[in-house]
Amino acid sequence: MEWQASLVTAHRGAREWHDEIGEALKRCDWFLIVLSPASTRSRWVKHELIYALQANRYRERIIPILYKYLRSDGLSWTLSAFQWIDFRKDFHGGAGNCWHLWRLNYQRRD
């Protein structure tokens, strides 16, 4: 199994940024949503989640990642249907759980 992550990080104009995010979402097999106080307030994260919820290829392939402590009232009600992975206290435990979902072996490297 080949594993590749698409992460959009460069600062560009709004239109180019929007298009790049859309292209990355089309290439991915899994959708991970990293949950933090900032991400739950982000309009763009909400748009990406809506896209993933509507795309058939992400059916049962959406993974909410708990990155920082946050209030549950800021979350989308749709996320309760998915298996969450908690990175808040144990990064390696969270990473191992992600890799397990992808049927890969996680090897801790310190």
Protein backbone atom coordinates (compact mmCIF):
# COMPACT_ATOMS: atom_id res chain seq x y z
CA MET A 1 0.00 0.00 0.00
CA GLU A 2 1.35 3.39 -0.94
CA TRP A 3 0.80 6.19 1.55
CA GLN A 4 0.98 9.83 0.63
CA ALA A 5 -0.28 12.88 2.47
CA SER A 6 -1.62 16.00 0.84
CA LEU A 7 -1.07 19.04 2.98
CA VAL A 8 -1.56 22.54 1.69
CA THR A 9 0.78 24.88 3.54
CA ALA A 10 1.98 27.65 1.23
CA HIS A 11 0.54 31.16 1.55
CA ARG A 12 -0.94 32.22 -1.76
CA GLY A 13 -3.78 34.30 -3.12
CA ALA A 14 -7.26 33.26 -1.97
CA ARG A 15 -8.35 31.85 -5.35
CA GLU A 16 -5.17 29.81 -5.86
CA TRP A 17 -5.33 28.58 -2.25
CA HIS A 18 -8.96 27.54 -2.70
CA ASP A 19 -8.17 25.64 -5.90
CA GLU A 20 -5.18 23.88 -4.35
CA ILE A 21 -7.26 22.67 -1.40
CA GLY A 22 -9.92 21.37 -3.80
CA GLU A 23 -7.33 19.49 -5.87
CA ALA A 24 -5.78 17.97 -2.73
CA LEU A 25 -9.20 16.78 -1.55
CA LYS A 26 -9.79 15.10 -4.93
CA ARG A 27 -6.50 13.16 -4.62
CA CYS A 28 -6.95 11.83 -1.09
CA ASP A 29 -8.46 8.51 -0.08
CA TRP A 30 -8.90 9.49 3.58
CA PHE A 31 -10.01 12.70 5.23
CA LEU A 32 -8.46 13.60 8.58
CA ILE A 33 -9.90 16.59 10.34
CA VAL A 34 -7.58 17.94 13.03
CA LEU A 35 -9.68 19.35 15.85
CA SER A 36 -8.47 22.27 17.90
CA PRO A 37 -10.18 25.45 19.12
CA ALA A 38 -8.89 27.27 16.01
CA SER A 39 -9.96 24.60 13.51
CA THR A 40 -13.49 24.41 14.90
CA ARG A 41 -13.85 28.16 14.29
CA SER A 42 -12.42 28.01 10.78
CA ARG A 43 -14.85 28.60 7.94
CA TRP A 44 -12.53 26.73 5.55
CA VAL A 45 -12.30 23.64 7.76
CA LYS A 46 -16.11 23.55 7.77
CA HIS A 47 -16.16 23.77 3.95
CA GLU A 48 -13.65 20.91 3.71
CA LEU A 49 -15.68 18.77 6.13
CA ILE A 50 -18.86 19.35 4.13
CA TYR A 51 -17.02 18.31 0.96
CA ALA A 52 -15.75 15.13 2.62
CA LEU A 53 -19.18 14.25 4.01
CA GLN A 54 -20.70 14.58 0.53
CA ALA A 55 -17.98 12.67 -1.36
CA ASN A 56 -18.76 8.96 -1.69
CA ARG A 57 -15.10 7.96 -1.66
CA TYR A 58 -14.74 9.27 1.90
CA ARG A 59 -17.59 7.11 3.18
CA GLU A 60 -16.21 5.49 6.35
CA ARG A 61 -12.87 7.20 5.66
CA ILE A 62 -13.21 10.33 7.77
CA ILE A 63 -11.09 10.44 10.91
CA PRO A 64 -11.49 13.25 13.45
CA ILE A 65 -8.16 13.85 15.20
CA LEU A 66 -8.27 15.43 18.67
CA TYR A 67 -5.21 17.66 18.74
CA LYS A 68 -6.03 20.13 21.53
CA TYR A 69 -8.65 20.29 24.24
CA LEU A 70 -11.80 22.01 23.09
CA ARG A 71 -15.42 22.47 23.98
CA SER A 72 -17.71 19.99 22.26
CA ASP A 73 -20.31 22.65 21.42
CA GLY A 74 -17.99 23.99 18.71
CA LEU A 75 -17.98 20.72 16.80
CA SER A 76 -20.14 19.60 13.92
CA TRP A 77 -22.85 17.17 15.05
CA THR A 78 -21.89 14.94 12.11
CA LEU A 79 -18.54 14.02 13.68
CA SER A 80 -20.17 11.93 16.41
CA ALA A 81 -20.68 9.11 13.87
CA PHE A 82 -16.94 8.60 13.32
CA GLN A 83 -14.17 6.92 15.27
CA TRP A 84 -12.06 9.64 16.84
CA ILE A 85 -8.35 9.41 17.50
CA ASP A 86 -6.94 11.28 20.47
CA PHE A 87 -3.45 12.75 20.17
CA ARG A 88 -3.80 15.08 23.18
CA LYS A 89 -2.00 13.00 25.79
CA ASP A 90 -0.15 10.39 23.76
CA PHE A 91 1.08 11.29 20.27
CA HIS A 92 2.51 7.84 19.57
CA GLY A 93 -0.65 6.11 20.78
CA GLY A 94 -2.73 8.32 18.49
CA ALA A 95 -0.40 7.72 15.56
CA GLY A 96 -0.55 3.97 16.16
CA ASN A 97 -4.35 4.10 16.12
CA CYS A 98 -4.35 6.01 12.82
CA TRP A 99 -1.98 3.58 11.21
CA HIS A 100 -4.04 0.66 12.51
CA LEU A 101 -7.13 2.05 10.74
CA TRP A 102 -5.08 2.19 7.54
CA ARG A 103 -3.93 -1.40 8.15
CA LEU A 104 -0.31 -0.28 8.46
CA ASN A 105 2.25 -0.95 11.17
CA TYR A 106 3.32 2.08 13.17
CA GLN A 107 6.88 2.04 14.42
CA ARG A 108 7.79 4.62 17.00
CA ARG A 109 10.92 6.59 16.20
CA ASP A 110 12.30 8.79 18.94
